[in-house]
N, C-alpha and C. Protein backbone atom coordinates (compact mmCIF):
# COMPACT_ATOMS: atom_id res chain seq x y z
N MET A 1 -23.62 63.04 -2.81
CA MET A 1 -24.75 63.94 -2.66
C MET A 1 -24.88 64.80 -3.91
N GLY A 2 -26.08 65.31 -4.15
CA GLY A 2 -26.30 66.17 -5.29
C GLY A 2 -26.49 65.38 -6.57
N ILE A 3 -26.20 66.01 -7.72
CA ILE A 3 -26.33 65.36 -9.02
C ILE A 3 -25.14 64.43 -9.21
N THR A 4 -25.40 63.14 -9.38
CA THR A 4 -24.32 62.16 -9.37
C THR A 4 -23.94 61.64 -10.75
N TYR A 5 -24.81 61.82 -11.77
CA TYR A 5 -24.48 61.25 -13.07
C TYR A 5 -25.13 62.06 -14.19
N TYR A 6 -24.39 62.31 -15.25
CA TYR A 6 -24.92 62.92 -16.46
C TYR A 6 -23.90 62.76 -17.57
N GLU A 7 -24.39 62.81 -18.82
CA GLU A 7 -23.51 62.78 -19.99
C GLU A 7 -23.24 64.22 -20.40
N GLY A 8 -22.00 64.67 -20.26
CA GLY A 8 -21.70 66.04 -20.61
C GLY A 8 -20.34 66.46 -20.08
N GLY A 9 -20.22 67.74 -19.74
CA GLY A 9 -18.95 68.26 -19.26
C GLY A 9 -19.15 69.25 -18.13
N SER A 10 -18.07 69.54 -17.42
CA SER A 10 -18.13 70.47 -16.29
C SER A 10 -16.78 71.15 -16.10
N VAL A 11 -16.79 72.26 -15.38
CA VAL A 11 -15.59 72.99 -15.00
C VAL A 11 -15.69 73.30 -13.51
N THR A 12 -14.61 73.04 -12.75
CA THR A 12 -14.63 73.26 -11.31
C THR A 12 -13.64 74.35 -10.91
N TRP A 13 -14.13 75.31 -10.12
CA TRP A 13 -13.30 76.36 -9.53
C TRP A 13 -13.24 76.12 -8.03
N THR A 14 -12.03 76.03 -7.46
CA THR A 14 -11.84 75.74 -6.04
C THR A 14 -11.08 76.88 -5.38
N GLN A 15 -11.55 77.30 -4.20
CA GLN A 15 -10.93 78.41 -3.48
C GLN A 15 -10.88 78.08 -1.98
N ASP A 16 -9.70 78.23 -1.38
CA ASP A 16 -9.57 78.10 0.07
C ASP A 16 -10.14 79.35 0.74
N VAL A 17 -10.93 79.12 1.79
CA VAL A 17 -11.52 80.21 2.57
C VAL A 17 -10.91 80.14 3.96
N GLY A 18 -9.94 80.98 4.23
CA GLY A 18 -9.22 80.88 5.49
C GLY A 18 -8.34 79.65 5.49
N GLU A 19 -8.05 79.12 6.68
CA GLU A 19 -7.16 77.96 6.80
C GLU A 19 -7.92 76.65 6.92
N GLN A 20 -9.22 76.69 7.19
CA GLN A 20 -9.96 75.46 7.48
C GLN A 20 -11.03 75.12 6.46
N TYR A 21 -11.37 76.03 5.57
CA TYR A 21 -12.54 75.82 4.72
C TYR A 21 -12.15 75.86 3.24
N THR A 22 -12.92 75.12 2.44
CA THR A 22 -12.72 75.09 0.99
C THR A 22 -14.06 75.22 0.30
N LEU A 23 -14.09 76.05 -0.74
CA LEU A 23 -15.31 76.25 -1.53
C LEU A 23 -15.04 75.80 -2.96
N SER A 24 -15.92 74.94 -3.48
CA SER A 24 -15.81 74.46 -4.86
C SER A 24 -17.11 74.78 -5.60
N VAL A 25 -16.98 75.36 -6.78
CA VAL A 25 -18.13 75.70 -7.61
C VAL A 25 -17.97 75.01 -8.96
N THR A 26 -18.99 74.23 -9.37
CA THR A 26 -18.91 73.45 -10.60
C THR A 26 -20.15 73.67 -11.46
N PRO A 27 -20.08 74.51 -12.48
CA PRO A 27 -21.16 74.55 -13.47
C PRO A 27 -21.01 73.37 -14.43
N PHE A 28 -22.13 72.81 -14.88
CA PHE A 28 -22.07 71.66 -15.78
C PHE A 28 -23.19 71.75 -16.81
N ALA A 29 -23.00 71.03 -17.91
CA ALA A 29 -24.00 70.97 -18.98
C ALA A 29 -24.00 69.57 -19.56
N GLY A 30 -25.19 69.09 -19.90
CA GLY A 30 -25.33 67.75 -20.46
C GLY A 30 -25.64 67.79 -21.94
N ILE A 31 -25.30 66.70 -22.61
CA ILE A 31 -25.60 66.56 -24.04
C ILE A 31 -26.81 65.66 -24.20
N LYS A 32 -27.30 65.56 -25.43
CA LYS A 32 -28.45 64.72 -25.71
C LYS A 32 -28.11 63.27 -25.39
N ASP A 33 -29.02 62.62 -24.64
CA ASP A 33 -28.73 61.27 -24.16
C ASP A 33 -30.03 60.50 -24.06
N SER A 34 -29.96 59.18 -24.16
CA SER A 34 -31.16 58.34 -24.06
C SER A 34 -30.88 57.18 -23.13
N LYS A 35 -31.92 56.75 -22.43
CA LYS A 35 -31.82 55.64 -21.49
C LYS A 35 -33.07 54.76 -21.63
N ASP A 36 -32.87 53.45 -21.60
CA ASP A 36 -33.96 52.48 -21.59
C ASP A 36 -33.95 51.77 -20.23
N ILE A 37 -35.10 51.80 -19.55
CA ILE A 37 -35.18 51.26 -18.20
C ILE A 37 -36.35 50.28 -18.12
N ARG A 38 -36.09 49.06 -17.71
CA ARG A 38 -37.15 48.08 -17.48
C ARG A 38 -37.57 48.18 -16.01
N LEU A 39 -38.70 48.82 -15.76
CA LEU A 39 -39.14 49.05 -14.39
C LEU A 39 -39.70 47.79 -13.75
N SER A 40 -40.35 46.93 -14.55
CA SER A 40 -40.91 45.69 -14.03
C SER A 40 -41.11 44.75 -15.21
N ASP A 41 -41.72 43.58 -14.94
CA ASP A 41 -41.98 42.63 -16.01
C ASP A 41 -43.01 43.14 -17.02
N SER A 42 -43.75 44.19 -16.64
CA SER A 42 -44.80 44.70 -17.53
C SER A 42 -44.67 46.19 -17.83
N THR A 43 -43.57 46.81 -17.42
CA THR A 43 -43.41 48.25 -17.63
C THR A 43 -42.02 48.56 -18.16
N PHE A 44 -41.98 49.25 -19.30
CA PHE A 44 -40.71 49.63 -19.93
C PHE A 44 -40.70 51.14 -20.13
N LEU A 45 -39.62 51.79 -19.70
CA LEU A 45 -39.50 53.24 -19.76
C LEU A 45 -38.35 53.64 -20.68
N GLU A 46 -38.63 54.59 -21.60
CA GLU A 46 -37.61 55.14 -22.48
C GLU A 46 -37.52 56.64 -22.23
N LEU A 47 -36.32 57.13 -21.93
CA LEU A 47 -36.09 58.54 -21.67
C LEU A 47 -35.07 59.09 -22.67
N GLU A 48 -35.33 60.29 -23.17
CA GLU A 48 -34.38 60.97 -24.05
C GLU A 48 -34.22 62.40 -23.57
N THR A 49 -33.03 62.72 -23.08
CA THR A 49 -32.75 64.06 -22.59
C THR A 49 -32.34 64.97 -23.74
N ASP A 50 -33.03 66.10 -23.88
CA ASP A 50 -32.72 67.04 -24.96
C ASP A 50 -31.62 68.01 -24.55
N ASP A 51 -31.74 68.60 -23.37
CA ASP A 51 -30.69 69.49 -22.87
C ASP A 51 -30.73 69.51 -21.35
N MET A 52 -29.61 69.86 -20.76
CA MET A 52 -29.50 69.86 -19.31
C MET A 52 -28.36 70.78 -18.90
N TYR A 53 -28.57 71.55 -17.85
CA TYR A 53 -27.50 72.37 -17.30
C TYR A 53 -27.76 72.57 -15.81
N GLY A 54 -26.72 72.92 -15.07
CA GLY A 54 -26.89 73.11 -13.64
C GLY A 54 -25.63 73.61 -12.97
N LEU A 55 -25.68 73.62 -11.65
CA LEU A 55 -24.59 74.15 -10.84
C LEU A 55 -24.48 73.33 -9.57
N ASN A 56 -23.24 73.03 -9.17
CA ASN A 56 -22.99 72.31 -7.93
C ASN A 56 -21.99 73.10 -7.07
N ILE A 57 -22.32 73.31 -5.80
CA ILE A 57 -21.47 74.06 -4.87
C ILE A 57 -21.19 73.19 -3.65
N VAL A 58 -19.92 73.08 -3.28
CA VAL A 58 -19.52 72.30 -2.10
C VAL A 58 -18.72 73.20 -1.17
N PHE A 59 -19.14 73.25 0.09
CA PHE A 59 -18.41 73.97 1.13
C PHE A 59 -17.97 72.95 2.17
N SER A 60 -16.66 72.81 2.39
CA SER A 60 -16.16 71.72 3.23
C SER A 60 -15.12 72.21 4.22
N SER A 61 -14.97 71.42 5.29
CA SER A 61 -13.94 71.65 6.29
C SER A 61 -13.33 70.30 6.65
N ASN A 62 -12.64 70.23 7.77
CA ASN A 62 -11.93 69.00 8.13
C ASN A 62 -12.87 67.82 8.33
N ASN A 63 -14.00 68.03 9.01
CA ASN A 63 -14.85 66.89 9.36
C ASN A 63 -16.26 67.01 8.81
N TYR A 64 -16.51 67.93 7.91
CA TYR A 64 -17.86 68.03 7.34
C TYR A 64 -17.81 68.68 5.96
N ARG A 65 -18.92 68.50 5.23
CA ARG A 65 -19.09 69.19 3.96
C ARG A 65 -20.58 69.41 3.69
N TRP A 66 -20.87 70.55 3.07
CA TRP A 66 -22.22 70.88 2.64
C TRP A 66 -22.25 70.92 1.12
N ASN A 67 -23.36 70.43 0.55
CA ASN A 67 -23.47 70.36 -0.91
C ASN A 67 -24.79 70.97 -1.36
N PHE A 68 -24.72 71.86 -2.36
CA PHE A 68 -25.93 72.42 -2.96
C PHE A 68 -25.89 72.17 -4.46
N SER A 69 -27.02 71.72 -5.03
CA SER A 69 -27.07 71.44 -6.47
C SER A 69 -28.34 72.03 -7.07
N TYR A 70 -28.20 72.47 -8.32
CA TYR A 70 -29.35 72.95 -9.10
C TYR A 70 -29.28 72.31 -10.48
N LEU A 71 -30.44 71.84 -10.98
CA LEU A 71 -30.50 71.19 -12.28
C LEU A 71 -31.73 71.67 -13.04
N ASN A 72 -31.55 71.97 -14.32
CA ASN A 72 -32.66 72.30 -15.20
C ASN A 72 -32.53 71.44 -16.45
N SER A 73 -33.60 70.71 -16.78
CA SER A 73 -33.50 69.76 -17.89
C SER A 73 -34.83 69.67 -18.63
N GLU A 74 -34.74 69.24 -19.88
CA GLU A 74 -35.92 68.98 -20.71
C GLU A 74 -35.74 67.62 -21.37
N TYR A 75 -36.81 66.79 -21.35
CA TYR A 75 -36.67 65.43 -21.86
C TYR A 75 -38.00 64.93 -22.43
N ASP A 76 -37.90 63.84 -23.21
CA ASP A 76 -39.07 63.13 -23.73
C ASP A 76 -39.18 61.79 -23.00
N GLN A 77 -40.42 61.35 -22.80
CA GLN A 77 -40.64 60.11 -22.05
C GLN A 77 -41.65 59.22 -22.78
N LYS A 78 -41.32 57.93 -22.84
CA LYS A 78 -42.22 56.94 -23.45
C LYS A 78 -42.35 55.76 -22.48
N VAL A 79 -43.58 55.47 -22.07
CA VAL A 79 -43.85 54.37 -21.14
C VAL A 79 -44.67 53.32 -21.88
N THR A 80 -44.20 52.08 -21.86
CA THR A 80 -44.91 50.96 -22.49
C THR A 80 -45.34 49.97 -21.42
N LEU A 81 -46.65 49.72 -21.35
CA LEU A 81 -47.21 48.73 -20.42
C LEU A 81 -47.64 47.52 -21.23
N PHE A 82 -47.18 46.33 -20.85
CA PHE A 82 -47.47 45.13 -21.62
C PHE A 82 -47.53 43.92 -20.69
N ASN A 83 -48.18 42.86 -21.17
CA ASN A 83 -48.28 41.59 -20.44
C ASN A 83 -48.81 41.76 -19.02
N HIS A 84 -49.74 42.72 -18.84
CA HIS A 84 -50.30 42.92 -17.50
C HIS A 84 -51.55 42.07 -17.35
N MET A 85 -51.53 41.16 -16.38
CA MET A 85 -52.63 40.23 -16.17
C MET A 85 -53.54 40.71 -15.05
N VAL A 86 -54.86 40.65 -15.27
CA VAL A 86 -55.84 41.00 -14.25
C VAL A 86 -56.85 39.87 -14.13
N ASP A 87 -57.45 39.77 -12.95
CA ASP A 87 -58.47 38.75 -12.71
C ASP A 87 -59.84 39.31 -13.07
N THR A 88 -60.63 38.52 -13.78
CA THR A 88 -62.01 38.87 -14.13
C THR A 88 -62.92 37.73 -13.70
N PRO A 89 -64.24 37.95 -13.66
CA PRO A 89 -65.16 36.85 -13.28
C PRO A 89 -65.01 35.62 -14.15
N SER A 90 -64.59 35.80 -15.41
CA SER A 90 -64.43 34.65 -16.30
C SER A 90 -63.02 34.09 -16.30
N GLY A 91 -62.16 34.65 -15.46
CA GLY A 91 -60.79 34.17 -15.38
C GLY A 91 -59.79 35.26 -15.69
N PRO A 92 -58.50 34.98 -15.50
CA PRO A 92 -57.47 36.00 -15.75
C PRO A 92 -57.33 36.31 -17.24
N ILE A 93 -57.10 37.59 -17.54
CA ILE A 93 -56.86 38.02 -18.91
C ILE A 93 -55.64 38.93 -18.94
N ILE A 94 -55.01 39.01 -20.10
CA ILE A 94 -53.87 39.91 -20.30
C ILE A 94 -54.35 41.13 -21.08
N LEU A 95 -54.13 42.30 -20.53
CA LEU A 95 -54.58 43.53 -21.16
C LEU A 95 -53.73 43.84 -22.39
N PRO A 96 -54.31 44.53 -23.37
CA PRO A 96 -53.53 44.95 -24.54
C PRO A 96 -52.42 45.92 -24.13
N SER A 97 -51.36 45.95 -24.91
CA SER A 97 -50.25 46.86 -24.61
C SER A 97 -50.72 48.32 -24.73
N VAL A 98 -50.18 49.16 -23.86
CA VAL A 98 -50.51 50.58 -23.85
C VAL A 98 -49.21 51.37 -23.91
N VAL A 99 -49.15 52.37 -24.78
CA VAL A 99 -47.97 53.22 -24.92
C VAL A 99 -48.37 54.66 -24.63
N GLU A 100 -47.67 55.28 -23.69
CA GLU A 100 -47.92 56.68 -23.35
C GLU A 100 -46.65 57.48 -23.66
N VAL A 101 -46.79 58.54 -24.45
CA VAL A 101 -45.65 59.36 -24.88
C VAL A 101 -45.87 60.79 -24.42
N GLU A 102 -44.85 61.37 -23.79
CA GLU A 102 -44.87 62.77 -23.40
C GLU A 102 -43.62 63.44 -23.96
N LYS A 103 -43.81 64.60 -24.57
CA LYS A 103 -42.72 65.33 -25.20
C LYS A 103 -42.41 66.62 -24.44
N ASP A 104 -41.14 67.01 -24.52
CA ASP A 104 -40.69 68.31 -23.99
C ASP A 104 -41.11 68.52 -22.54
N ILE A 105 -40.82 67.55 -21.69
CA ILE A 105 -41.11 67.66 -20.27
C ILE A 105 -39.98 68.43 -19.60
N GLY A 106 -40.31 69.48 -18.91
CA GLY A 106 -39.31 70.27 -18.21
C GLY A 106 -39.26 69.92 -16.74
N ILE A 107 -38.08 69.93 -16.17
CA ILE A 107 -37.93 69.67 -14.75
C ILE A 107 -36.86 70.60 -14.18
N GLU A 108 -37.13 71.11 -12.99
CA GLU A 108 -36.20 71.96 -12.27
C GLU A 108 -36.00 71.35 -10.89
N LEU A 109 -34.77 71.13 -10.51
CA LEU A 109 -34.48 70.37 -9.29
C LEU A 109 -33.46 71.10 -8.44
N PHE A 110 -33.72 71.14 -7.13
CA PHE A 110 -32.80 71.69 -6.14
C PHE A 110 -32.50 70.61 -5.11
N SER A 111 -31.26 70.55 -4.64
CA SER A 111 -30.93 69.63 -3.56
C SER A 111 -29.90 70.27 -2.64
N ILE A 112 -30.00 69.94 -1.36
CA ILE A 112 -29.04 70.40 -0.37
C ILE A 112 -28.76 69.24 0.58
N GLY A 113 -27.49 69.05 0.91
CA GLY A 113 -27.12 67.93 1.77
C GLY A 113 -25.90 68.26 2.61
N ALA A 114 -25.70 67.44 3.62
CA ALA A 114 -24.56 67.64 4.52
C ALA A 114 -24.04 66.29 4.99
N GLU A 115 -22.73 66.23 5.24
CA GLU A 115 -22.09 65.03 5.77
C GLU A 115 -21.12 65.44 6.87
N TYR A 116 -21.27 64.82 8.05
CA TYR A 116 -20.42 65.12 9.20
C TYR A 116 -19.74 63.83 9.65
N GLU A 117 -18.47 63.94 10.02
CA GLU A 117 -17.71 62.80 10.53
C GLU A 117 -17.28 63.08 11.96
N PHE A 118 -17.57 62.11 12.84
CA PHE A 118 -17.17 62.19 14.25
C PHE A 118 -16.37 60.92 14.56
N ASP A 119 -15.05 61.00 14.42
CA ASP A 119 -14.18 59.82 14.55
C ASP A 119 -14.64 58.76 13.55
N ASN A 120 -15.13 57.60 14.02
CA ASN A 120 -15.55 56.52 13.12
C ASN A 120 -17.01 56.64 12.70
N LEU A 121 -17.73 57.59 13.26
CA LEU A 121 -19.16 57.76 12.98
C LEU A 121 -19.36 58.81 11.89
N THR A 122 -20.19 58.47 10.89
CA THR A 122 -20.51 59.40 9.81
C THR A 122 -22.02 59.57 9.71
N PHE A 123 -22.47 60.83 9.65
CA PHE A 123 -23.89 61.13 9.50
C PHE A 123 -24.09 61.91 8.20
N THR A 124 -25.03 61.44 7.38
CA THR A 124 -25.31 62.05 6.08
C THR A 124 -26.80 62.31 5.94
N THR A 125 -27.16 63.47 5.43
CA THR A 125 -28.57 63.77 5.15
C THR A 125 -28.66 64.63 3.91
N GLU A 126 -29.76 64.50 3.18
CA GLU A 126 -29.95 65.27 1.96
C GLU A 126 -31.44 65.42 1.69
N ALA A 127 -31.83 66.59 1.18
CA ALA A 127 -33.21 66.86 0.76
C ALA A 127 -33.18 67.33 -0.68
N GLN A 128 -34.21 66.92 -1.42
CA GLN A 128 -34.27 67.24 -2.85
C GLN A 128 -35.69 67.65 -3.21
N LYS A 129 -35.84 68.72 -3.99
CA LYS A 129 -37.17 69.19 -4.38
C LYS A 129 -37.18 69.54 -5.86
N SER A 130 -38.21 69.06 -6.54
CA SER A 130 -38.44 69.42 -7.93
C SER A 130 -39.86 69.97 -8.04
N ASP A 131 -40.30 70.27 -9.27
CA ASP A 131 -41.65 70.76 -9.45
C ASP A 131 -42.68 69.64 -9.37
N ARG A 132 -42.23 68.38 -9.14
CA ARG A 132 -43.14 67.25 -9.03
C ARG A 132 -43.08 66.54 -7.68
N THR A 133 -41.90 66.41 -7.12
CA THR A 133 -41.75 65.64 -5.89
C THR A 133 -40.80 66.33 -4.92
N THR A 134 -40.90 65.91 -3.67
CA THR A 134 -39.95 66.30 -2.63
C THR A 134 -39.50 65.03 -1.92
N SER A 135 -38.21 64.89 -1.70
CA SER A 135 -37.70 63.69 -1.03
C SER A 135 -36.54 64.06 -0.12
N TRP A 136 -36.28 63.17 0.83
CA TRP A 136 -35.16 63.37 1.73
C TRP A 136 -34.72 62.01 2.28
N TYR A 137 -33.49 61.97 2.77
CA TYR A 137 -33.01 60.76 3.45
C TYR A 137 -31.99 61.15 4.51
N ALA A 138 -31.82 60.26 5.46
CA ALA A 138 -30.78 60.41 6.49
C ALA A 138 -30.11 59.06 6.67
N MET A 139 -28.79 59.07 6.84
CA MET A 139 -28.04 57.82 6.99
C MET A 139 -26.97 57.99 8.05
N VAL A 140 -26.79 56.95 8.85
CA VAL A 140 -25.73 56.93 9.85
C VAL A 140 -24.90 55.68 9.62
N ALA A 141 -23.58 55.81 9.69
CA ALA A 141 -22.66 54.68 9.49
C ALA A 141 -21.56 54.75 10.53
N ASN A 142 -21.11 53.59 10.98
CA ASN A 142 -20.04 53.54 11.98
C ASN A 142 -19.01 52.49 11.56
N ARG A 143 -17.75 52.87 11.56
CA ARG A 143 -16.68 51.99 11.10
C ARG A 143 -16.07 51.22 12.26
N TYR A 144 -15.97 49.88 12.07
CA TYR A 144 -15.29 49.00 13.03
C TYR A 144 -14.23 48.22 12.26
N GLY A 145 -13.02 48.74 12.23
CA GLY A 145 -11.97 48.08 11.46
C GLY A 145 -12.32 48.09 9.98
N GLN A 146 -12.41 46.89 9.39
CA GLN A 146 -12.76 46.79 7.97
C GLN A 146 -14.26 46.76 7.73
N TRP A 147 -15.06 46.71 8.80
CA TRP A 147 -16.52 46.64 8.69
C TRP A 147 -17.14 48.02 8.91
N THR A 148 -18.16 48.34 8.11
CA THR A 148 -18.91 49.59 8.28
C THR A 148 -20.40 49.30 8.13
N PRO A 149 -21.12 49.05 9.22
CA PRO A 149 -22.57 48.92 9.13
C PRO A 149 -23.21 50.30 8.98
N TYR A 150 -24.36 50.35 8.30
CA TYR A 150 -25.03 51.63 8.09
C TYR A 150 -26.55 51.43 8.05
N LEU A 151 -27.26 52.50 8.40
CA LEU A 151 -28.72 52.50 8.47
C LEU A 151 -29.23 53.77 7.82
N SER A 152 -30.26 53.65 6.98
CA SER A 152 -30.79 54.81 6.26
C SER A 152 -32.31 54.77 6.25
N PHE A 153 -32.92 55.97 6.30
CA PHE A 153 -34.37 56.11 6.18
C PHE A 153 -34.66 57.21 5.18
N ALA A 154 -35.66 56.99 4.30
CA ALA A 154 -35.97 57.97 3.25
C ALA A 154 -37.48 58.08 3.07
N GLN A 155 -37.92 59.26 2.62
CA GLN A 155 -39.33 59.51 2.32
C GLN A 155 -39.45 60.31 1.03
N GLN A 156 -40.58 60.11 0.33
CA GLN A 156 -40.87 60.88 -0.87
C GLN A 156 -42.30 61.40 -0.82
N TYR A 157 -42.48 62.69 -1.21
CA TYR A 157 -43.79 63.34 -1.21
C TYR A 157 -44.13 63.79 -2.63
N ASP A 158 -45.44 63.86 -2.93
CA ASP A 158 -45.85 64.30 -4.25
C ASP A 158 -45.89 65.82 -4.32
N GLU A 159 -46.39 66.37 -5.44
CA GLU A 159 -46.39 67.81 -5.64
C GLU A 159 -47.32 68.55 -4.68
N ASN A 160 -48.24 67.79 -4.04
CA ASN A 160 -49.14 68.38 -3.04
C ASN A 160 -48.65 68.12 -1.62
N ASP A 161 -47.40 67.70 -1.49
CA ASP A 161 -46.77 67.41 -0.20
C ASP A 161 -47.47 66.28 0.55
N LYS A 162 -48.04 65.34 -0.20
CA LYS A 162 -48.64 64.15 0.39
C LYS A 162 -47.64 63.00 0.30
N LEU A 163 -47.48 62.28 1.40
CA LEU A 163 -46.48 61.21 1.45
C LEU A 163 -46.82 60.11 0.45
N GLU A 164 -45.87 59.82 -0.45
CA GLU A 164 -46.04 58.77 -1.45
C GLU A 164 -45.47 57.44 -0.98
N ALA A 165 -44.26 57.48 -0.42
CA ALA A 165 -43.59 56.24 -0.05
C ALA A 165 -42.46 56.54 0.92
N ASP A 166 -42.06 55.51 1.66
CA ASP A 166 -40.86 55.61 2.48
C ASP A 166 -40.11 54.29 2.41
N SER A 167 -38.87 54.31 2.84
CA SER A 167 -38.05 53.10 2.78
C SER A 167 -37.05 53.10 3.93
N LEU A 168 -36.69 51.90 4.34
CA LEU A 168 -35.69 51.68 5.38
C LEU A 168 -34.62 50.77 4.82
N LEU A 169 -33.36 51.15 5.00
CA LEU A 169 -32.25 50.36 4.46
C LEU A 169 -31.26 50.04 5.58
N LEU A 170 -30.89 48.77 5.65
CA LEU A 170 -29.88 48.30 6.59
C LEU A 170 -28.81 47.56 5.81
N GLY A 171 -27.55 47.97 6.00
CA GLY A 171 -26.49 47.35 5.22
C GLY A 171 -25.17 47.32 5.95
N ALA A 172 -24.19 46.67 5.32
CA ALA A 172 -22.84 46.61 5.87
C ALA A 172 -21.84 46.55 4.72
N ARG A 173 -20.71 47.24 4.89
CA ARG A 173 -19.64 47.23 3.89
C ARG A 173 -18.39 46.62 4.51
N TYR A 174 -17.75 45.74 3.74
CA TYR A 174 -16.48 45.14 4.17
C TYR A 174 -15.41 45.57 3.19
N ASP A 175 -14.37 46.26 3.68
CA ASP A 175 -13.29 46.76 2.83
C ASP A 175 -12.23 45.68 2.64
N ILE A 176 -12.13 45.17 1.41
CA ILE A 176 -11.11 44.17 1.08
C ILE A 176 -9.77 44.85 0.90
N PHE A 177 -9.74 45.89 0.07
CA PHE A 177 -8.59 46.76 -0.11
C PHE A 177 -9.07 48.20 0.05
N TYR A 178 -8.17 49.17 -0.10
CA TYR A 178 -8.58 50.57 0.06
C TYR A 178 -9.55 51.00 -1.03
N ASN A 179 -9.53 50.31 -2.17
CA ASN A 179 -10.41 50.69 -3.28
C ASN A 179 -11.38 49.59 -3.71
N VAL A 180 -11.48 48.51 -2.94
CA VAL A 180 -12.38 47.40 -3.26
C VAL A 180 -13.16 47.02 -2.00
N SER A 181 -14.47 46.92 -2.13
CA SER A 181 -15.30 46.56 -0.98
C SER A 181 -16.48 45.72 -1.42
N ILE A 182 -17.06 45.00 -0.45
CA ILE A 182 -18.27 44.22 -0.66
C ILE A 182 -19.37 44.79 0.23
N ASN A 183 -20.56 45.01 -0.35
CA ASN A 183 -21.70 45.50 0.40
C ASN A 183 -22.83 44.48 0.38
N ALA A 184 -23.51 44.34 1.51
CA ALA A 184 -24.72 43.53 1.61
C ALA A 184 -25.80 44.42 2.21
N GLU A 185 -27.00 44.46 1.57
CA GLU A 185 -28.05 45.37 2.00
C GLU A 185 -29.41 44.69 2.01
N TRP A 186 -30.26 45.14 2.94
CA TRP A 186 -31.69 44.83 2.92
C TRP A 186 -32.44 46.15 2.93
N GLN A 187 -33.38 46.31 1.99
CA GLN A 187 -34.17 47.54 1.92
C GLN A 187 -35.65 47.19 1.89
N TYR A 188 -36.41 47.90 2.72
CA TYR A 188 -37.86 47.70 2.81
C TYR A 188 -38.57 48.93 2.25
N PHE A 189 -39.44 48.72 1.25
CA PHE A 189 -40.20 49.80 0.63
C PHE A 189 -41.65 49.73 1.09
N ASN A 190 -42.24 50.88 1.37
CA ASN A 190 -43.62 50.96 1.81
C ASN A 190 -44.33 52.05 1.01
N ASN A 191 -45.24 51.65 0.12
CA ASN A 191 -45.98 52.62 -0.68
C ASN A 191 -47.20 53.10 0.09
N LYS A 192 -47.42 54.42 0.09
CA LYS A 192 -48.49 55.01 0.89
C LYS A 192 -49.71 55.39 0.07
N GLN A 193 -49.62 55.37 -1.25
CA GLN A 193 -50.72 55.83 -2.08
C GLN A 193 -51.25 54.70 -2.95
N PRO A 194 -52.51 54.83 -3.42
CA PRO A 194 -53.08 53.81 -4.31
C PRO A 194 -52.22 53.64 -5.55
N LEU A 195 -52.15 52.40 -6.03
CA LEU A 195 -51.32 52.10 -7.19
C LEU A 195 -52.11 52.06 -8.49
N VAL A 196 -53.40 52.46 -8.44
CA VAL A 196 -54.22 52.45 -9.64
C VAL A 196 -53.74 53.53 -10.59
N ASN A 197 -53.36 53.13 -11.80
CA ASN A 197 -52.80 54.10 -12.74
C ASN A 197 -52.78 53.52 -14.14
N GLY A 198 -53.20 54.30 -15.11
CA GLY A 198 -53.10 53.88 -16.50
C GLY A 198 -53.85 52.60 -16.76
N ALA A 199 -53.15 51.55 -17.22
CA ALA A 199 -53.79 50.30 -17.61
C ALA A 199 -54.17 49.44 -16.42
N PHE A 200 -53.76 49.81 -15.20
CA PHE A 200 -54.08 49.00 -14.04
C PHE A 200 -55.54 49.23 -13.66
N VAL A 201 -56.39 48.23 -13.79
CA VAL A 201 -57.80 48.38 -13.48
C VAL A 201 -58.12 47.96 -12.06
N GLU A 202 -57.19 47.33 -11.40
CA GLU A 202 -57.38 46.99 -9.99
C GLU A 202 -56.08 47.23 -9.26
N GLU A 203 -56.20 47.56 -7.98
CA GLU A 203 -55.03 47.89 -7.19
C GLU A 203 -54.36 46.64 -6.66
N PRO A 204 -53.07 46.45 -6.89
CA PRO A 204 -52.37 45.30 -6.31
C PRO A 204 -52.50 45.31 -4.79
N GLU A 205 -52.64 44.13 -4.21
CA GLU A 205 -52.86 44.04 -2.77
C GLU A 205 -51.62 44.43 -1.98
N ASP A 206 -50.47 44.06 -2.45
CA ASP A 206 -49.24 44.28 -1.69
C ASP A 206 -48.60 45.61 -2.07
N LYS A 207 -48.52 46.52 -1.11
CA LYS A 207 -47.88 47.81 -1.34
C LYS A 207 -46.47 47.85 -0.74
N HIS A 208 -45.98 46.70 -0.30
CA HIS A 208 -44.68 46.63 0.34
C HIS A 208 -43.74 45.77 -0.51
N ALA A 209 -42.46 46.01 -0.35
CA ALA A 209 -41.46 45.21 -1.07
C ALA A 209 -40.19 45.12 -0.24
N ASN A 210 -39.52 43.98 -0.35
CA ASN A 210 -38.22 43.76 0.28
C ASN A 210 -37.19 43.52 -0.81
N LEU A 211 -36.08 44.23 -0.72
CA LEU A 211 -35.00 44.09 -1.70
C LEU A 211 -33.71 43.70 -0.98
N PHE A 212 -33.11 42.60 -1.42
CA PHE A 212 -31.84 42.14 -0.87
C PHE A 212 -30.77 42.29 -1.94
N THR A 213 -29.65 42.89 -1.57
CA THR A 213 -28.60 43.21 -2.54
C THR A 213 -27.23 42.83 -2.00
N VAL A 214 -26.42 42.23 -2.86
CA VAL A 214 -25.00 42.00 -2.58
C VAL A 214 -24.22 42.58 -3.75
N MET A 215 -23.24 43.45 -3.48
CA MET A 215 -22.52 44.11 -4.56
C MET A 215 -21.03 44.18 -4.28
N LEU A 216 -20.26 44.22 -5.36
CA LEU A 216 -18.81 44.39 -5.29
C LEU A 216 -18.48 45.75 -5.87
N ASN A 217 -17.77 46.60 -5.10
CA ASN A 217 -17.48 47.98 -5.51
C ASN A 217 -15.99 48.15 -5.83
N PHE A 218 -15.72 48.84 -6.93
CA PHE A 218 -14.36 49.21 -7.31
C PHE A 218 -14.28 50.72 -7.41
N VAL A 219 -13.19 51.30 -6.93
CA VAL A 219 -12.93 52.73 -7.06
C VAL A 219 -11.62 52.89 -7.81
N PHE A 220 -11.66 53.58 -8.95
CA PHE A 220 -10.46 53.75 -9.78
C PHE A 220 -9.90 55.16 -9.61
């Protein structure tokens, strides 16, 4: 839960509160970093983070934990659209490449989440809000020996609190060793808003997607 990845450093202060509770406070800061992401066959995203800092707070007990995170960051973004084919009365054509560049984009993000364990049953939920989107998810998992099936539902809203998309995930984890597991997942995505944007001159008919995943996990 919370901020899960960044290039930088952090310091953690941990304090026992009574006999059952623990409080951990972690301020962190990120260094300049860049990422290249291929979003689809026709969309390429380049991100460069200029600076980043934030705070993570965890309050935990024997069978539950609460997590609060804050992040402030500034970054540059470059989106390249290419090889996008559209149908015209004279036949399909490929649109010219389009490059959109945005500099010094600021983002402020808050998240709060909780995880409760009831014997073999685990319930997890988290909500996240930035100056652009609001999202949340809830997941329930139950352990049967080495098997752990799980179910998750998530939604995302735009800056006007209008529903953009939701997703349903069904999966199962099989523990081979204490630090090695295999996961198999099916995830269904449902887009709620028109997909017309930028170089797209017509809206794709299918707003739904199915994703099937098999993964091998290692914990060091």
